[in-house]
Amino acid sequence: MTQPPLGPALHGAVDLSALRNRPAPGSAPAAGAGAPAGAGPFVLDVSEATFETDVLVQSQTVPVVIDFWAEWCGPCKQLSPVLERLAAEYGGRFVLAKIDVDANQRIAQAAQVQSIPMVVGVVAGQVVPLFAGAYPEAQVRQYLDELIKVANANGVTGTAQAPVADAEQPVEEPEDPRWDAAADAIDRGDFDAAADAYRSILTEAPSDPDATAGLAQVELLRRVTTADPALLARAAADPADVDAACAAADAEVAAGDLDAAFARMVEVVRLSAGAERTTAREHLIGLFDLVGDDPRVANARVALANALF
């Protein structure tokens, strides 16, 4: 098996243009079309449906090597791993297109395949005959190097890029069931169970903002639903009653009336002293943290500072 010389000219002895945009009636991409499992990013399973894009179009920028094979072909199974390994080693200097002749007979006929394995190059849409048979790796490498020289001489100098989705797509982690457990507990009014679920998450991830916010919201719901109605009545009658003010502010935050809640708590901070002032201030800061990034929080923080100093 001597290596035939490959000149820089493209002779176009084989015409593949008949396959452009003309899949056989009823044809569809072969099962597993695209990159074969484990074959690397520069190896494609090609069918009539993908031939134009994967071979003819791609060959305008990077040489394509077609490996004609069949499942029953013993020599094909010897050659294919060699080609796939070299495709990975060459790192995109050529793309290996694997074509099953039994599943894609029109391509095999157009390429004048008479025996397999048969390997041809395609450069700028033109066929460059390479070899037929299971050649040893060293000789296959020589054919590939010559094909790349032919491609460069004809202005095809690109390099294929590995698909980002194959190489870099993050593996999606399964969702923590504790989030669902917390939501379900809230729906049925079991705030203790919901709080336990959020605390369990925070034990492993103390800075998780969603778990922190979830726990704060659960604590607010629990306070609002268990508040003594008498406290709410006292808040209106006595603005300096810290416990009553805290209960009323919780109810107002839960109802979305942030301005009223913050004004109430700032006022009780201003009117109180000692431990009661500390309780009121800490409760108000807790409401700030619960609400988060809201311009009304910024305004209330200024008002709180003025009340304290």
Protein backbone atom coordinates (compact mmCIF):
# COMPACT_ATOMS: atom_id res chain seq x y z
CA MET A 1 0.00 0.00 0.00
CA THR A 2 1.95 3.00 -1.23
CA GLN A 3 0.81 6.50 -0.58
CA PRO A 4 -0.37 8.33 -3.75
CA PRO A 5 0.84 11.92 -4.00
CA LEU A 6 -1.71 14.61 -3.23
CA GLY A 7 -1.12 17.73 -5.27
CA PRO A 8 -2.40 21.18 -4.31
CA ALA A 9 -5.07 21.22 -7.02
CA LEU A 10 -8.59 19.99 -6.38
CA HIS A 11 -9.60 17.79 -9.28
CA GLY A 12 -13.29 17.37 -8.38
CA ALA A 13 -13.35 13.87 -9.88
CA VAL A 14 -16.29 13.02 -7.64
CA ASP A 15 -19.31 15.34 -7.68
CA LEU A 16 -21.14 15.60 -4.36
CA SER A 17 -23.25 18.60 -5.32
CA ALA A 18 -26.25 16.36 -6.02
CA LEU A 19 -26.52 15.79 -2.28
CA ARG A 20 -26.94 19.49 -1.51
CA ASN A 21 -30.34 20.08 0.12
CA ARG A 22 -31.76 16.88 -1.34
CA PRO A 23 -32.32 14.24 1.34
CA ALA A 24 -34.02 11.08 0.16
CA PRO A 25 -37.83 11.06 0.52
CA GLY A 26 -38.81 10.23 4.07
CA SER A 27 -35.22 10.31 5.30
CA ALA A 28 -34.33 11.70 8.70
CA PRO A 29 -31.09 12.11 10.62
CA ALA A 30 -29.72 8.74 11.61
CA ALA A 31 -30.03 7.68 15.23
CA GLY A 32 -27.21 9.21 17.18
CA ALA A 33 -26.59 11.84 14.51
CA GLY A 34 -23.96 14.34 15.58
CA ALA A 35 -20.96 13.42 17.66
CA PRO A 36 -20.77 9.68 18.42
CA ALA A 37 -20.67 8.88 22.12
CA GLY A 38 -17.11 9.06 23.41
CA ALA A 39 -15.65 9.94 19.98
CA GLY A 40 -14.68 13.53 20.79
CA PRO A 41 -15.84 16.95 19.60
CA PHE A 42 -14.25 16.71 16.13
CA VAL A 43 -16.03 13.51 15.08
CA LEU A 44 -19.52 13.55 13.56
CA ASP A 45 -22.02 10.91 12.51
CA VAL A 46 -23.28 12.26 9.20
CA SER A 47 -26.47 11.37 7.31
CA GLU A 48 -28.03 12.65 4.09
CA ALA A 49 -30.01 15.14 6.14
CA THR A 50 -26.86 16.65 7.70
CA PHE A 51 -24.41 16.11 4.82
CA GLU A 52 -24.60 19.62 3.39
CA THR A 53 -23.99 21.39 6.72
CA ASP A 54 -21.53 18.93 8.26
CA VAL A 55 -19.48 18.23 5.12
CA LEU A 56 -20.03 20.60 2.17
CA VAL A 57 -20.45 23.82 4.15
CA GLN A 58 -17.90 22.98 6.82
CA SER A 59 -15.30 22.03 4.19
CA GLN A 60 -15.22 25.68 3.09
CA THR A 61 -13.32 26.57 6.27
CA VAL A 62 -11.75 23.33 7.54
CA PRO A 63 -10.90 20.07 5.70
CA VAL A 64 -13.35 17.24 6.29
CA VAL A 65 -12.28 13.59 6.28
CA ILE A 66 -15.05 11.13 5.44
CA ASP A 67 -14.81 7.61 6.84
CA PHE A 68 -17.16 5.32 4.87
CA TRP A 69 -17.94 2.30 7.04
CA ALA A 70 -20.55 -0.33 7.90
CA GLU A 71 -21.41 -2.26 11.04
CA TRP A 72 -20.54 -5.62 9.46
CA CYS A 73 -17.11 -4.45 8.20
CA GLY A 74 -14.25 -5.85 10.29
CA PRO A 75 -11.47 -3.65 8.82
CA CYS A 76 -13.71 -0.60 9.42
CA LYS A 77 -13.67 -1.38 13.14
CA GLN A 78 -9.88 -1.41 13.03
CA LEU A 79 -9.56 1.87 11.15
CA SER A 80 -12.27 3.97 12.80
CA PRO A 81 -10.60 4.17 16.26
CA VAL A 82 -7.37 5.28 14.58
CA LEU A 83 -9.14 8.08 12.73
CA GLU A 84 -11.06 9.16 15.84
CA ARG A 85 -7.88 9.24 17.91
CA LEU A 86 -6.09 11.34 15.28
CA ALA A 87 -9.06 13.70 15.02
CA ALA A 88 -8.71 14.42 18.73
CA GLU A 89 -4.93 14.75 18.46
CA TYR A 90 -5.09 17.20 15.53
CA GLY A 91 -7.42 19.39 17.61
CA GLY A 92 -9.74 20.67 14.90
CA ARG A 93 -7.30 20.89 11.98
CA PHE A 94 -9.73 18.50 10.29
CA VAL A 95 -13.20 17.17 11.09
CA LEU A 96 -13.93 13.45 10.83
CA ALA A 97 -17.32 12.67 9.26
CA LYS A 98 -18.38 9.05 9.75
CA ILE A 99 -20.89 7.80 7.16
CA ASP A 100 -22.61 4.42 7.43
CA VAL A 101 -22.89 3.25 3.80
CA ASP A 102 -25.86 0.99 4.54
CA ALA A 103 -27.89 3.82 6.07
CA ASN A 104 -26.76 6.45 3.53
CA GLN A 105 -26.58 4.69 0.16
CA ARG A 106 -27.08 7.85 -1.92
CA ILE A 107 -23.96 9.40 -0.40
CA ALA A 108 -21.98 6.21 -1.00
CA GLN A 109 -23.12 6.11 -4.62
CA ALA A 110 -22.32 9.79 -5.21
CA ALA A 111 -18.83 9.26 -3.72
CA GLN A 112 -18.34 6.14 -5.90
CA VAL A 113 -17.62 3.94 -2.90
CA GLN A 114 -16.74 0.45 -4.17
CA SER A 115 -15.17 -1.05 -1.06
CA ILE A 116 -14.90 -0.17 2.60
CA PRO A 117 -13.34 1.17 4.64
CA MET A 118 -12.83 4.04 2.25
CA VAL A 119 -11.51 7.43 3.28
CA VAL A 120 -11.74 10.65 1.27
CA GLY A 121 -11.12 14.28 2.05
CA VAL A 122 -13.41 17.16 1.19
CA VAL A 123 -11.92 20.62 0.72
CA ALA A 124 -14.07 23.56 -0.36
CA GLY A 125 -16.78 21.13 -1.43
CA GLN A 126 -14.42 19.11 -3.64
CA VAL A 127 -13.36 15.52 -3.03
CA VAL A 128 -9.70 14.64 -2.47
CA PRO A 129 -9.26 10.83 -2.73
CA LEU A 130 -7.19 9.43 0.12
CA PHE A 131 -7.19 5.65 0.58
CA ALA A 132 -9.22 2.46 0.88
CA GLY A 133 -8.48 -0.20 3.45
CA ALA A 134 -7.34 -0.35 7.06
CA TYR A 135 -4.00 1.45 6.94
CA PRO A 136 -1.65 1.63 9.95
CA GLU A 137 -1.70 4.83 11.98
CA ALA A 138 1.64 6.15 10.73
CA GLN A 139 0.49 5.98 7.12
CA VAL A 140 -2.94 7.44 7.94
CA ARG A 141 -1.15 10.34 9.60
CA GLN A 142 0.81 10.99 6.40
CA TYR A 143 -2.40 11.12 4.36
CA LEU A 144 -3.92 13.58 6.83
CA ASP A 145 -0.86 15.82 6.76
CA GLU A 146 -0.93 15.88 2.97
CA LEU A 147 -4.66 16.67 2.97
CA ILE A 148 -4.09 19.63 5.29
CA LYS A 149 -1.37 20.90 2.93
CA VAL A 150 -3.80 20.65 0.01
CA ALA A 151 -6.43 22.52 2.03
CA ASN A 152 -4.00 25.29 2.96
CA ALA A 153 -2.87 25.62 -0.65
CA ASN A 154 -6.50 26.16 -1.64
CA GLY A 155 -7.27 28.74 1.03
CA VAL A 156 -8.96 26.40 3.52
CA THR A 157 -6.98 27.21 6.66
CA GLY A 158 -9.54 27.22 9.46
CA THR A 159 -9.71 25.15 12.62
CA ALA A 160 -12.88 23.55 13.96
CA GLN A 161 -13.97 24.61 17.44
CA ALA A 162 -15.09 22.14 20.08
CA PRO A 163 -18.80 22.63 20.92
CA VAL A 164 -19.10 24.63 24.15
CA ALA A 165 -22.19 22.68 25.22
CA ASP A 166 -20.23 19.42 25.18
CA ALA A 167 -17.21 20.75 26.96
CA GLU A 168 -18.49 23.31 29.45
CA GLN A 169 -22.15 22.73 30.19
CA PRO A 170 -22.54 22.55 33.96
CA VAL A 171 -24.06 19.50 35.49
CA GLU A 172 -27.38 20.43 37.02
CA GLU A 173 -27.57 19.40 40.65
CA PRO A 174 -30.77 17.85 41.95
CA GLU A 175 -32.95 20.30 43.86
CA ASP A 176 -32.75 20.11 47.65
CA PRO A 177 -36.06 18.58 48.85
CA ARG A 178 -35.97 20.83 51.91
CA TRP A 179 -37.07 23.78 49.78
CA ASP A 180 -40.24 21.93 48.80
CA ALA A 181 -40.71 20.81 52.38
CA ALA A 182 -40.58 24.43 53.59
CA ALA A 183 -43.03 25.61 50.93
CA ASP A 184 -45.46 22.77 51.66
CA ALA A 185 -45.28 23.50 55.39
CA ILE A 186 -46.10 27.18 54.80
CA ASP A 187 -49.06 26.22 52.62
CA ARG A 188 -50.57 24.14 55.39
CA GLY A 189 -49.77 26.71 58.07
CA ASP A 190 -47.10 24.63 59.83
CA PHE A 191 -44.65 27.44 60.42
CA ASP A 192 -42.55 25.43 62.87
CA ALA A 193 -41.85 22.79 60.22
CA ALA A 194 -41.08 25.46 57.62
CA ALA A 195 -38.66 27.20 60.00
CA ASP A 196 -36.96 23.87 60.74
CA ALA A 197 -36.48 23.26 57.01
CA TYR A 198 -34.90 26.67 56.47
CA ARG A 199 -32.69 26.29 59.55
CA SER A 200 -31.51 22.92 58.26
CA ILE A 201 -30.42 24.55 55.00
CA LEU A 202 -28.70 27.39 56.87
CA THR A 203 -26.78 24.89 58.99
CA GLU A 204 -25.01 23.73 55.83
CA ALA A 205 -25.01 27.10 54.03
CA PRO A 206 -25.16 29.88 56.66
CA SER A 207 -25.01 32.67 54.09
CA ASP A 208 -27.72 31.37 51.76
CA PRO A 209 -29.80 34.51 51.09
CA ASP A 210 -32.94 32.64 50.04
CA ALA A 211 -32.97 30.49 53.16
CA THR A 212 -32.29 33.53 55.35
CA ALA A 213 -35.16 35.45 53.76
CA GLY A 214 -37.43 32.41 53.93
CA LEU A 215 -36.80 31.95 57.64
CA ALA A 216 -37.45 35.64 58.32
CA GLN A 217 -40.74 35.50 56.40
CA VAL A 218 -41.83 32.38 58.27
CA GLU A 219 -41.06 34.01 61.61
CA LEU A 220 -43.10 37.06 60.56
CA LEU A 221 -46.06 34.88 59.51
CA ARG A 222 -45.90 33.01 62.78
CA ARG A 223 -45.89 36.22 64.81
CA VAL A 224 -48.76 37.72 62.83
CA THR A 225 -50.99 34.63 63.02
CA THR A 226 -50.40 34.17 66.75
CA ALA A 227 -50.52 37.81 67.80
CA ASP A 228 -52.88 38.73 70.66
CA PRO A 229 -55.63 41.01 69.25
CA ALA A 230 -55.39 43.00 72.46
CA LEU A 231 -51.85 44.02 71.54
CA LEU A 232 -53.03 45.55 68.28
CA ALA A 233 -55.65 47.56 70.16
CA ARG A 234 -53.05 48.78 72.64
CA ALA A 235 -50.77 49.97 69.80
CA ALA A 236 -53.31 52.53 68.71
CA ALA A 237 -53.90 53.72 72.24
CA ASP A 238 -50.28 53.89 73.41
CA PRO A 239 -47.55 54.62 70.80
CA ALA A 240 -44.88 53.99 73.46
CA ASP A 241 -45.99 50.37 74.11
CA VAL A 242 -43.08 48.42 72.59
CA ASP A 243 -44.73 44.98 72.49
CA ALA A 244 -47.90 46.42 70.97
CA ALA A 245 -45.92 48.45 68.42
CA CYS A 246 -43.91 45.39 67.34
CA ALA A 247 -47.09 43.33 66.86
CA ALA A 248 -48.80 46.12 64.90
CA ALA A 249 -45.72 46.71 62.71
CA ASP A 250 -45.57 42.99 61.88
CA ALA A 251 -49.19 43.08 60.74
CA GLU A 252 -48.55 46.18 58.64
CA VAL A 253 -45.49 44.65 56.94
CA ALA A 254 -47.44 41.47 56.23
CA ALA A 255 -50.14 43.65 54.65
CA GLY A 256 -47.56 45.55 52.58
CA ASP A 257 -47.92 48.86 54.41
CA LEU A 258 -44.20 49.40 54.98
CA ASP A 259 -44.38 53.15 55.53
CA ALA A 260 -46.82 52.78 58.43
CA ALA A 261 -44.83 49.91 59.99
CA PHE A 262 -41.49 51.74 59.83
CA ALA A 263 -42.94 55.03 61.08
CA ARG A 264 -44.55 53.22 64.02
CA MET A 265 -41.31 51.52 65.01
CA VAL A 266 -39.17 54.65 64.63
CA GLU A 267 -41.60 56.49 66.88
CA VAL A 268 -41.51 53.81 69.58
CA VAL A 269 -37.70 53.85 69.47
CA ARG A 270 -37.78 57.62 69.98
CA LEU A 271 -40.21 57.35 72.92
CA SER A 272 -38.56 54.39 74.70
CA ALA A 273 -35.32 53.92 76.59
CA GLY A 274 -33.02 51.18 77.92
CA ALA A 275 -33.93 47.57 77.23
CA GLU A 276 -37.24 48.51 75.63
CA ARG A 277 -35.50 50.80 73.15
CA THR A 278 -33.05 47.98 72.31
CA THR A 279 -35.96 45.58 71.72
CA ALA A 280 -37.72 48.06 69.45
CA ARG A 281 -34.56 48.91 67.52
CA GLU A 282 -33.65 45.24 66.94
CA HIS A 283 -37.20 44.44 65.85
CA LEU A 284 -37.14 47.27 63.34
CA ILE A 285 -33.75 46.19 61.97
CA GLY A 286 -35.18 42.69 61.59
CA LEU A 287 -37.99 44.12 59.48
CA PHE A 288 -35.44 45.99 57.38
CA ASP A 289 -33.61 42.72 56.71
CA LEU A 290 -36.87 40.99 55.88
CA VAL A 291 -37.93 43.62 53.34
CA GLY A 292 -34.48 43.86 51.76
CA ASP A 293 -33.54 46.29 48.99
CA ASP A 294 -36.35 48.83 49.04
CA PRO A 295 -36.04 52.63 49.01
CA ARG A 296 -38.46 52.83 51.94
CA VAL A 297 -35.94 50.85 54.00
CA ALA A 298 -33.22 53.39 53.23
CA ASN A 299 -35.47 56.26 54.29
CA ALA A 300 -36.48 54.47 57.48
CA ARG A 301 -32.84 53.79 58.37
CA VAL A 302 -32.18 57.52 58.25
CA ALA A 303 -35.21 58.16 60.44
CA LEU A 304 -34.04 55.49 62.90
CA ALA A 305 -30.60 57.10 63.16
CA ASN A 306 -32.21 60.46 63.88
CA ALA A 307 -34.42 58.89 66.57
CA LEU A 308 -31.43 57.25 68.25
CA PHE A 309 -29.13 60.25 68.17
